[in-house]
Structure formats: C-alpha cells, structure tokens
Amino acid sequence: DSAKPTKQYSPHVLECAANVKLIIEADLRVHYSIARLARKVGLNSRTLQDCFKHLYGKAIFEWRQDLRLEYGKKLLRESGMGIQEIAEACGYVEHTNFTVAFRRKFGVAPGGWRKEK
C-alpha cells in the first residue's frame, strides 16, 4: 500500500470519525453497525471506515474489540466482578465469547490473567 497516496480528509470528515470513537467509548455494551454509526455522524460507510482507519490505524470493529478487551483487563485487575459480569460490561453477551477473544489477544484466559496479577 506504500505506492498509494495518502488520502486527504476534510476537517468535517475527520471530526465525524473522531465522534464515532466517542460514541463507541460512551457505552461498550452497545453494538453499532458501521451503517448506523455512519448515519449518526452523517457520513457514508466507506468514508467513515477509511477515515477512522486513517486516524486510529485500525478498522472500527478491530479498534472497538481492542478497547473492550483492554477494559475487561482493567476490570479483572481492579474489580471483584465475576467473568460473566465483566464480559457483559465489555459488550459480550456470552462470557465464552469474551474468554475466546481475551485469550486470542493476550494469550491467557481472563481467570488466569487475573490470578497472575
């Protein structure tokens, strides 16, 4: 991709993409589709996705997943909440999905990570 020129985004589009980040951060339990996020900020889906990746270096869903898992790690470290409660607070309905994603990212299950800390 190095041969591709860097696309320039207007200040409005950059602000819209930054607002999507704030929308996601406001409540990790809410699952927004790209189309819904794009409608919320008044961009088309492709422009939103491209600009978000330009700003944050990751696709929206990858960035959101990382945010959710980092928040889960924080709750494991700082709270006495159970794994299911933590999973739900991070936007996972099933704790098993949280556990699989956590293990994939950090190389250890949430319960094991908590014991190590």
C-alpha atoms as a PDB file:
ATOM      1  CA  ASP A   1       0.000   0.000   0.000  1.00  0.00           C
ATOM      2  CA  SER A   2       3.034   2.292   0.121  1.00  0.00           C
ATOM      3  CA  ALA A   3       2.534   3.318  -3.531  1.00  0.00           C
ATOM      4  CA  LYS A   4      -0.957   4.604  -2.738  1.00  0.00           C
ATOM      5  CA  PRO A   5      -1.037   8.344  -1.998  1.00  0.00           C
ATOM      6  CA  THR A   6      -2.378   9.312   1.412  1.00  0.00           C
ATOM      7  CA  LYS A   7      -5.935  10.491   1.087  1.00  0.00           C
ATOM      8  CA  GLN A   8      -6.740  13.911   2.478  1.00  0.00           C
ATOM      9  CA  TYR A   9      -9.839  14.204   4.636  1.00  0.00           C
ATOM     10  CA  SER A  10     -11.709  17.428   5.293  1.00  0.00           C
ATOM     11  CA  PRO A  11     -11.833  18.707   8.879  1.00  0.00           C
ATOM     12  CA  HIS A  12     -15.546  17.805   8.915  1.00  0.00           C
ATOM     13  CA  VAL A  13     -14.909  14.178   7.955  1.00  0.00           C
ATOM     14  CA  LEU A  14     -12.070  13.899  10.494  1.00  0.00           C
ATOM     15  CA  GLU A  15     -14.351  15.295  13.190  1.00  0.00           C
ATOM     16  CA  CYS A  16     -17.111  12.838  12.254  1.00  0.00           C
ATOM     17  CA  ALA A  17     -14.692   9.893  12.523  1.00  0.00           C
ATOM     18  CA  ALA A  18     -13.456  11.183  15.901  1.00  0.00           C
ATOM     19  CA  ASN A  19     -17.085  11.436  17.045  1.00  0.00           C
ATOM     20  CA  VAL A  20     -17.601   7.756  16.191  1.00  0.00           C
ATOM     21  CA  LYS A  21     -14.761   6.930  18.579  1.00  0.00           C
ATOM     22  CA  LEU A  22     -16.559   8.901  21.319  1.00  0.00           C
ATOM     23  CA  ILE A  23     -19.884   7.199  20.553  1.00  0.00           C
ATOM     24  CA  ILE A  24     -18.289   3.757  20.927  1.00  0.00           C
ATOM     25  CA  GLU A  25     -16.383   4.712  24.078  1.00  0.00           C
ATOM     26  CA  ALA A  26     -19.560   6.064  25.706  1.00  0.00           C
ATOM     27  CA  ASP A  27     -21.036   2.561  26.112  1.00  0.00           C
ATOM     28  CA  LEU A  28     -19.121  -0.567  25.133  1.00  0.00           C
ATOM     29  CA  ARG A  29     -22.258  -2.680  25.582  1.00  0.00           C
ATOM     30  CA  VAL A  30     -23.938  -1.130  22.540  1.00  0.00           C
ATOM     31  CA  HIS A  31     -23.246  -2.908  19.254  1.00  0.00           C
ATOM     32  CA  TYR A  32     -23.390  -0.411  16.416  1.00  0.00           C
ATOM     33  CA  SER A  33     -23.261  -1.429  12.791  1.00  0.00           C
ATOM     34  CA  ILE A  34     -20.988   0.593  10.518  1.00  0.00           C
ATOM     35  CA  ALA A  35     -24.099   1.832   8.683  1.00  0.00           C
ATOM     36  CA  ARG A  36     -25.681   3.018  11.946  1.00  0.00           C
ATOM     37  CA  LEU A  37     -22.508   4.810  13.041  1.00  0.00           C
ATOM     38  CA  ALA A  38     -22.197   6.421   9.612  1.00  0.00           C
ATOM     39  CA  ARG A  39     -25.814   7.638   9.780  1.00  0.00           C
ATOM     40  CA  LYS A  40     -25.265   9.002  13.298  1.00  0.00           C
ATOM     41  CA  VAL A  41     -22.387  11.211  12.120  1.00  0.00           C
ATOM     42  CA  GLY A  42     -23.643  11.939   8.599  1.00  0.00           C
ATOM     43  CA  LEU A  43     -21.035  10.122   6.516  1.00  0.00           C
ATOM     44  CA  ASN A  44     -21.275   7.231   4.111  1.00  0.00           C
ATOM     45  CA  SER A  45     -19.988   3.923   5.466  1.00  0.00           C
ATOM     46  CA  ARG A  46     -16.934   3.693   3.204  1.00  0.00           C
ATOM     47  CA  THR A  47     -15.727   7.219   4.012  1.00  0.00           C
ATOM     48  CA  LEU A  48     -16.236   6.614   7.723  1.00  0.00           C
ATOM     49  CA  GLN A  49     -14.324   3.326   7.660  1.00  0.00           C
ATOM     50  CA  ASP A  50     -11.463   4.746   5.604  1.00  0.00           C
ATOM     51  CA  CYS A  51     -11.118   7.906   7.685  1.00  0.00           C
ATOM     52  CA  PHE A  52     -11.358   6.036  11.002  1.00  0.00           C
ATOM     53  CA  LYS A  53      -8.568   3.699   9.927  1.00  0.00           C
ATOM     54  CA  HIS A  54      -6.536   6.708   8.764  1.00  0.00           C
ATOM     55  CA  LEU A  55      -6.949   8.360  12.193  1.00  0.00           C
ATOM     56  CA  TYR A  56      -6.571   5.367  14.502  1.00  0.00           C
ATOM     57  CA  GLY A  57      -4.635   2.812  12.464  1.00  0.00           C
ATOM     58  CA  LYS A  58      -7.307   0.128  12.822  1.00  0.00           C
ATOM     59  CA  ALA A  59     -10.698  -0.734  11.400  1.00  0.00           C
ATOM     60  CA  ILE A  60     -13.623   0.344  13.603  1.00  0.00           C
ATOM     61  CA  PHE A  61     -14.515  -3.156  14.781  1.00  0.00           C
ATOM     62  CA  GLU A  62     -10.891  -4.114  15.452  1.00  0.00           C
ATOM     63  CA  TRP A  63     -10.396  -0.897  17.428  1.00  0.00           C
ATOM     64  CA  ARG A  64     -13.630  -1.483  19.367  1.00  0.00           C
ATOM     65  CA  GLN A  65     -12.653  -5.071  20.149  1.00  0.00           C
ATOM     66  CA  ASP A  66      -9.267  -3.948  21.461  1.00  0.00           C
ATOM     67  CA  LEU A  67     -10.959  -1.276  23.587  1.00  0.00           C
ATOM     68  CA  ARG A  68     -13.431  -3.799  25.014  1.00  0.00           C
ATOM     69  CA  LEU A  69     -10.687  -6.277  25.865  1.00  0.00           C
ATOM     70  CA  GLU A  70      -8.470  -3.618  27.480  1.00  0.00           C
ATOM     71  CA  TYR A  71     -11.478  -2.539  29.558  1.00  0.00           C
ATOM     72  CA  GLY A  72     -12.037  -6.182  30.513  1.00  0.00           C
ATOM     73  CA  LYS A  73      -8.410  -6.423  31.597  1.00  0.00           C
ATOM     74  CA  LYS A  74      -8.856  -3.277  33.730  1.00  0.00           C
ATOM     75  CA  LEU A  75     -11.989  -4.720  35.380  1.00  0.00           C
ATOM     76  CA  LEU A  76     -10.216  -8.022  36.052  1.00  0.00           C
ATOM     77  CA  ARG A  77      -7.394  -6.122  37.740  1.00  0.00           C
ATOM     78  CA  GLU A  78      -9.417  -3.509  39.632  1.00  0.00           C
ATOM     79  CA  SER A  79     -12.757  -5.110  40.484  1.00  0.00           C
ATOM     80  CA  GLY A  80     -14.090  -8.177  42.172  1.00  0.00           C
ATOM     81  CA  MET A  81     -16.625  -8.689  39.385  1.00  0.00           C
ATOM     82  CA  GLY A  82     -17.116 -12.190  38.008  1.00  0.00           C
ATOM     83  CA  ILE A  83     -16.101 -13.080  34.451  1.00  0.00           C
ATOM     84  CA  GLN A  84     -19.726 -13.033  33.211  1.00  0.00           C
ATOM     85  CA  GLU A  85     -20.306  -9.556  34.695  1.00  0.00           C
ATOM     86  CA  ILE A  86     -17.082  -8.287  33.148  1.00  0.00           C
ATOM     87  CA  ALA A  87     -17.951  -9.831  29.796  1.00  0.00           C
ATOM     88  CA  GLU A  88     -21.345  -8.077  29.837  1.00  0.00           C
ATOM     89  CA  ALA A  89     -19.788  -4.738  30.876  1.00  0.00           C
ATOM     90  CA  CYS A  90     -17.466  -5.074  27.870  1.00  0.00           C
ATOM     91  CA  GLY A  91     -20.329  -5.779  25.476  1.00  0.00           C
ATOM     92  CA  TYR A  92     -20.172  -9.567  25.321  1.00  0.00           C
ATOM     93  CA  VAL A  93     -23.494 -11.306  25.915  1.00  0.00           C
ATOM     94  CA  GLU A  94     -21.735 -14.647  26.392  1.00  0.00           C
ATOM     95  CA  HIS A  95     -18.720 -14.836  28.661  1.00  0.00           C
ATOM     96  CA  THR A  96     -17.365 -17.625  26.454  1.00  0.00           C
ATOM     97  CA  ASN A  97     -17.011 -15.166  23.532  1.00  0.00           C
ATOM     98  CA  PHE A  98     -15.188 -12.751  25.851  1.00  0.00           C
ATOM     99  CA  THR A  99     -12.913 -15.554  27.050  1.00  0.00           C
ATOM    100  CA  VAL A 100     -12.068 -16.670  23.495  1.00  0.00           C
ATOM    101  CA  ALA A 101     -11.344 -13.090  22.356  1.00  0.00           C
ATOM    102  CA  PHE A 102      -9.332 -12.347  25.514  1.00  0.00           C
ATOM    103  CA  ARG A 103      -7.239 -15.487  25.130  1.00  0.00           C
ATOM    104  CA  ARG A 104      -6.649 -14.757  21.434  1.00  0.00           C
ATOM    105  CA  LYS A 105      -5.406 -11.238  22.216  1.00  0.00           C
ATOM    106  CA  PHE A 106      -3.472 -11.775  25.451  1.00  0.00           C
ATOM    107  CA  GLY A 107      -2.532 -15.476  25.286  1.00  0.00           C
ATOM    108  CA  VAL A 108      -4.245 -16.361  28.565  1.00  0.00           C
ATOM    109  CA  ALA A 109      -7.851 -16.792  29.726  1.00  0.00           C
ATOM    110  CA  PRO A 110      -9.344 -13.961  31.835  1.00  0.00           C
ATOM    111  CA  GLY A 111      -9.339 -16.035  35.027  1.00  0.00           C
ATOM    112  CA  GLY A 112      -5.706 -16.995  34.506  1.00  0.00           C
ATOM    113  CA  TRP A 113      -4.741 -13.408  33.777  1.00  0.00           C
ATOM    114  CA  ARG A 114      -6.446 -12.233  36.963  1.00  0.00           C
ATOM    115  CA  LYS A 115      -4.511 -14.799  39.034  1.00  0.00           C
ATOM    116  CA  GLU A 116      -1.210 -13.613  37.535  1.00  0.00           C
ATOM    117  CA  LYS A 117      -1.848 -10.001  38.530  1.00  0.00           C
END
